[in-house]
């Protein structure tokens, strides 16, 4: 059952997001800093803004201030629909984000969800971790709005396959690999590079081997992707399922290179 203290906590946590938004929009960086714990875990990787990071609240504030320092940039952030579960001195929940950014005549909009952890201490509730999951964005160029390095995309795409073979099904494995590799190469893929995992250093994966095929451009990558929708590939699926206890197949494109 929710207590009065829980209701008060939920309101205080919602107001953290209001101050977050107001701090950015007014460039009041003291207000913005006030919503964060001494150390913050931030993950904005799903919007292409670097890897998950852990850094002091002051450093995170400086980072955001630098991104929003483009001359002439004005913003309007809305934080709504907070659903937070309070557990004593900690809490966890989601908040909707809608942000509009205007630079000259250009407007860029972002819709996302912030998933946050919160801690309660001597200064009240603070955000200790924040993950942004975009739902969609539209409009202007992110590079221009946030003064990011101008990218020089390579245009390459890559097929990554991670799998664990069933050694007793060697014949099925040979039929599958012998069938799918020529199709991928005919579509424009490179000679596959097949590698095996020696050890997990951080995290844990229990696949044994990987295959990487590179496509020089988007057209050949589309042709490679079409292989997996073809009747010829469908005929190989029984061998695939027999030959591997698990398999993951994914396409990637190069990140912009500065």
Protein backbone atom coordinates (compact mmCIF):
# COMPACT_ATOMS: atom_id res chain seq x y z
CA UNK A 1 0.00 0.00 0.00
CA UNK A 2 1.26 3.45 -0.92
CA UNK A 3 2.08 5.68 2.04
CA UNK A 4 2.05 9.46 2.37
CA UNK A 5 5.85 9.34 2.29
CA UNK A 6 5.69 7.50 -1.05
CA UNK A 7 3.36 10.16 -2.50
CA UNK A 8 5.70 12.92 -1.33
CA UNK A 9 8.69 11.07 -2.79
CA UNK A 10 6.95 10.67 -6.16
CA UNK A 11 6.20 14.39 -6.30
CA UNK A 12 9.76 15.33 -5.39
CA UNK A 13 11.11 12.96 -8.04
CA UNK A 14 8.76 14.40 -10.69
CA UNK A 15 10.05 17.86 -9.82
CA UNK A 16 13.61 16.69 -10.44
CA UNK A 17 12.63 16.28 -14.09
CA UNK A 18 10.90 19.66 -14.16
CA UNK A 19 14.12 21.27 -12.90
CA UNK A 20 16.15 19.23 -15.39
CA UNK A 21 14.03 20.63 -18.22
CA UNK A 22 13.93 24.19 -16.86
CA UNK A 23 17.68 24.18 -16.27
CA UNK A 24 18.44 23.27 -19.89
CA UNK A 25 15.85 25.62 -21.38
CA UNK A 26 17.00 28.63 -19.36
CA UNK A 27 20.67 27.55 -19.33
CA UNK A 28 20.56 27.70 -15.55
CA UNK A 29 23.29 25.15 -15.00
CA UNK A 30 23.21 25.40 -11.20
CA UNK A 31 19.55 24.33 -11.33
CA UNK A 32 20.38 21.56 -13.79
CA UNK A 33 23.24 20.28 -11.60
CA UNK A 34 20.99 20.23 -8.54
CA UNK A 35 18.96 17.26 -9.80
CA UNK A 36 21.89 14.81 -9.90
CA UNK A 37 23.62 12.63 -7.35
CA UNK A 38 27.35 13.14 -6.78
CA UNK A 39 28.04 10.39 -9.33
CA UNK A 40 25.83 9.71 -12.32
CA UNK A 41 25.55 6.78 -14.71
CA UNK A 42 24.36 8.07 -18.09
CA UNK A 43 23.45 6.08 -21.20
CA UNK A 44 22.48 8.03 -24.32
CA UNK A 45 23.99 5.49 -26.70
CA UNK A 46 20.66 4.65 -28.37
CA UNK A 47 20.64 8.17 -29.82
CA UNK A 48 24.24 7.84 -31.00
CA UNK A 49 25.67 10.01 -28.21
CA UNK A 50 28.54 7.76 -27.12
CA UNK A 51 28.80 4.76 -24.85
CA UNK A 52 27.35 4.31 -21.37
CA UNK A 53 29.37 6.40 -18.93
CA UNK A 54 29.83 6.94 -15.23
CA UNK A 55 31.04 10.37 -14.20
CA UNK A 56 30.65 13.01 -11.49
CA UNK A 57 27.52 15.13 -11.59
CA UNK A 58 29.65 18.23 -12.21
CA UNK A 59 31.28 16.62 -15.25
CA UNK A 60 27.91 15.54 -16.65
CA UNK A 61 26.59 19.08 -16.24
CA UNK A 62 29.64 20.44 -18.08
CA UNK A 63 29.08 17.94 -20.89
CA UNK A 64 25.43 18.90 -21.34
CA UNK A 65 26.30 22.60 -21.13
CA UNK A 66 28.82 22.18 -23.96
CA UNK A 67 26.26 20.37 -26.14
CA UNK A 68 23.68 23.10 -25.65
CA UNK A 69 26.08 26.01 -26.12
CA UNK A 70 25.54 26.42 -29.86
CA UNK A 71 24.99 30.12 -30.54
CA UNK A 72 21.34 30.84 -31.29
CA UNK A 73 20.05 27.46 -30.07
CA UNK A 74 16.81 27.63 -28.08
CA UNK A 75 15.03 24.64 -26.56
CA UNK A 76 11.79 23.57 -24.94
CA UNK A 77 11.81 20.33 -22.93
CA UNK A 78 8.70 18.67 -21.52
CA UNK A 79 8.89 15.87 -18.91
CA UNK A 80 5.62 14.02 -18.32
CA UNK A 81 3.95 10.67 -17.54
CA UNK A 82 6.32 9.72 -14.73
CA UNK A 83 5.72 6.26 -13.29
CA UNK A 84 8.04 5.70 -10.33
CA UNK A 85 8.28 2.91 -7.79
CA UNK A 86 9.69 3.98 -4.41
CA UNK A 87 11.55 1.51 -2.22
CA UNK A 88 12.73 3.24 0.94
CA UNK A 89 15.69 5.46 0.07
CA UNK A 90 15.82 4.41 -3.59
CA UNK A 91 13.41 4.59 -6.50
CA UNK A 92 13.20 3.61 -10.16
CA UNK A 93 10.93 4.66 -12.99
CA UNK A 94 10.23 6.05 -16.46
CA UNK A 95 9.46 9.58 -17.62
CA UNK A 96 8.36 10.69 -21.09
CA UNK A 97 10.48 13.38 -22.75
CA UNK A 98 9.49 15.67 -25.61
CA UNK A 99 12.14 18.18 -26.64
CA UNK A 100 12.09 20.81 -29.35
CA UNK A 101 15.30 22.49 -30.47
CA UNK A 102 15.32 25.58 -32.72
CA UNK A 103 18.36 26.96 -34.51
CA UNK A 104 17.55 29.76 -36.90
CA UNK A 105 14.72 28.48 -39.10
CA UNK A 106 15.43 24.82 -38.39
CA UNK A 107 13.55 22.83 -35.76
CA UNK A 108 14.49 19.40 -34.44
CA UNK A 109 12.11 17.39 -32.24
CA UNK A 110 12.87 14.37 -30.08
CA UNK A 111 10.48 11.99 -28.35
CA UNK A 112 12.06 9.63 -25.83
CA UNK A 113 11.76 7.87 -22.50
CA UNK A 114 14.12 8.49 -19.60
CA UNK A 115 14.55 5.45 -17.37
CA UNK A 116 16.10 6.59 -14.11
CA UNK A 117 17.35 5.43 -10.74
CA UNK A 118 16.97 7.79 -7.80
CA UNK A 119 18.54 7.96 -4.35
CA UNK A 120 17.47 9.88 -1.26
CA UNK A 121 20.03 11.59 0.95
CA UNK A 122 20.72 14.71 2.95
CA UNK A 123 19.78 16.97 0.04
CA UNK A 124 16.60 15.08 -0.84
CA UNK A 125 16.00 12.98 -3.93
CA UNK A 126 18.55 12.96 -6.74
CA UNK A 127 18.93 11.16 -10.08
CA UNK A 128 21.76 8.60 -9.89
CA UNK A 129 21.34 6.91 -13.28
CA UNK A 130 19.61 7.89 -16.50
CA UNK A 131 19.08 5.96 -19.73
CA UNK A 132 17.49 7.61 -22.75
CA UNK A 133 15.49 5.47 -25.17
CA UNK A 134 14.40 7.47 -28.24
CA UNK A 135 11.02 6.66 -29.74
CA UNK A 136 11.45 8.95 -32.75
CA UNK A 137 13.05 12.18 -33.82
CA UNK A 138 12.53 14.47 -36.77
CA UNK A 139 13.73 17.70 -38.25
CA UNK A 140 17.15 19.33 -38.17
CA UNK A 141 20.68 17.99 -38.24
CA UNK A 142 21.92 16.78 -34.83
CA UNK A 143 25.52 17.47 -35.89
CA UNK A 144 24.74 21.14 -36.46
CA UNK A 145 22.52 21.60 -33.42
CA UNK A 146 25.04 20.19 -30.95
CA UNK A 147 28.29 21.17 -32.69
CA UNK A 148 29.39 17.56 -33.01
CA UNK A 149 32.32 16.65 -35.28
CA UNK A 150 31.23 16.51 -38.91
CA UNK A 151 31.08 12.82 -39.79
CA UNK A 152 32.59 11.12 -42.80
CA UNK A 153 30.62 7.87 -43.08
CA UNK A 154 32.41 4.97 -44.72
CA UNK A 155 29.20 3.53 -46.17
CA UNK A 156 30.19 0.01 -45.13
CA UNK A 157 27.75 -2.42 -43.56
CA UNK A 158 28.53 -5.61 -41.69
CA UNK A 159 26.77 -8.88 -41.04
CA UNK A 160 27.62 -10.31 -37.62
CA UNK A 161 26.71 -13.89 -36.79
CA UNK A 162 27.42 -15.38 -33.36
CA UNK A 163 26.71 -19.06 -32.89
CA UNK A 164 27.45 -22.22 -30.95
CA UNK A 165 27.72 -25.30 -33.17
CA UNK A 166 26.48 -28.76 -32.27
CA UNK A 167 29.57 -30.84 -32.96
CA UNK A 168 27.61 -34.01 -33.55
CA UNK A 169 25.79 -32.32 -36.46
CA UNK A 170 28.88 -31.68 -38.58
CA UNK A 171 27.18 -32.64 -41.87
CA UNK A 172 24.32 -30.20 -41.26
CA UNK A 173 26.82 -27.49 -40.35
CA UNK A 174 28.74 -28.00 -43.61
CA UNK A 175 25.53 -27.91 -45.65
CA UNK A 176 24.37 -24.70 -43.96
CA UNK A 177 27.66 -22.82 -44.19
CA UNK A 178 28.34 -24.16 -47.69
CA UNK A 179 24.93 -22.88 -48.77
CA UNK A 180 24.65 -19.49 -47.10
CA UNK A 181 28.19 -18.16 -47.66
CA UNK A 182 28.02 -18.26 -51.48
CA UNK A 183 24.65 -16.50 -51.39
CA UNK A 184 26.05 -13.71 -49.22
CA UNK A 185 29.11 -13.29 -51.43
CA UNK A 186 26.96 -13.27 -54.57
CA UNK A 187 24.94 -10.45 -52.97
CA UNK A 188 28.13 -8.41 -52.66
CA UNK A 189 29.50 -9.52 -49.33
CA UNK A 190 33.17 -10.07 -48.58
CA UNK A 191 34.84 -13.39 -47.96
CA UNK A 192 33.64 -14.21 -44.43
CA UNK A 193 35.98 -13.84 -41.50
CA UNK A 194 35.28 -16.64 -39.03
CA UNK A 195 36.61 -16.24 -35.48
CA UNK A 196 36.16 -18.06 -32.20
CA UNK A 197 35.71 -16.71 -28.71
CA UNK A 198 38.57 -17.40 -26.30
CA UNK A 199 37.20 -15.73 -23.16
CA UNK A 200 34.76 -13.13 -21.88
CA UNK A 201 36.55 -10.22 -20.23
CA UNK A 202 33.54 -8.04 -19.32
CA UNK A 203 30.03 -9.43 -19.27
CA UNK A 204 29.20 -12.94 -20.39
CA UNK A 205 28.49 -14.59 -23.71
CA UNK A 206 28.24 -18.30 -24.28
CA UNK A 207 28.42 -18.37 -28.07
CA UNK A 208 31.48 -20.14 -29.41
CA UNK A 209 32.18 -18.60 -32.81
CA UNK A 210 31.43 -15.54 -34.93
CA UNK A 211 31.28 -14.79 -38.63
CA UNK A 212 31.69 -11.31 -40.07
CA UNK A 213 30.79 -10.38 -43.65
CA UNK A 214 31.36 -6.83 -44.90
CA UNK A 215 29.27 -5.09 -47.55
CA UNK A 216 30.76 -2.07 -49.30
CA UNK A 217 27.56 -0.01 -49.47
CA UNK A 218 23.89 0.12 -48.56
CA UNK A 219 22.76 -1.49 -51.83
CA UNK A 220 24.85 -4.61 -51.33
CA UNK A 221 23.82 -4.73 -47.66
CA UNK A 222 20.16 -4.73 -48.76
CA UNK A 223 20.93 -7.57 -51.15
CA UNK A 224 22.63 -9.42 -48.30
CA UNK A 225 19.66 -8.87 -46.03
CA UNK A 226 17.34 -10.19 -48.74
CA UNK A 227 19.20 -13.51 -48.65
CA UNK A 228 17.54 -14.28 -45.32
CA UNK A 229 14.07 -13.77 -46.82
CA UNK A 230 14.74 -16.00 -49.83
CA UNK A 231 13.38 -19.48 -50.56
CA UNK A 232 16.95 -20.72 -50.95
CA UNK A 233 17.75 -19.66 -47.38
CA UNK A 234 14.48 -21.11 -46.08
CA UNK A 235 15.62 -24.47 -47.44
CA UNK A 236 18.75 -24.20 -45.25
CA UNK A 237 16.89 -23.42 -42.02
CA UNK A 238 16.44 -27.09 -40.96
CA UNK A 239 20.21 -27.60 -41.25
CA UNK A 240 20.83 -24.33 -39.39
CA UNK A 241 18.58 -25.33 -36.52
CA UNK A 242 20.16 -28.77 -36.31
CA UNK A 243 23.76 -27.56 -36.59
CA UNK A 244 23.67 -24.76 -33.98
CA UNK A 245 22.33 -24.73 -30.44
CA UNK A 246 22.04 -20.96 -30.68
CA UNK A 247 22.59 -18.32 -33.34
CA UNK A 248 22.27 -14.54 -33.54
CA UNK A 249 22.25 -12.77 -36.93
CA UNK A 250 22.42 -8.97 -37.19
CA UNK A 251 23.37 -6.24 -39.63
CA UNK A 252 25.38 -3.18 -38.57
CA UNK A 253 26.60 -0.05 -40.34
CA UNK A 254 29.81 1.86 -39.65
CA UNK A 255 29.59 4.71 -37.17
CA UNK A 256 30.63 8.08 -38.62
CA UNK A 257 34.39 8.54 -38.71
CA UNK A 258 35.86 11.93 -37.91
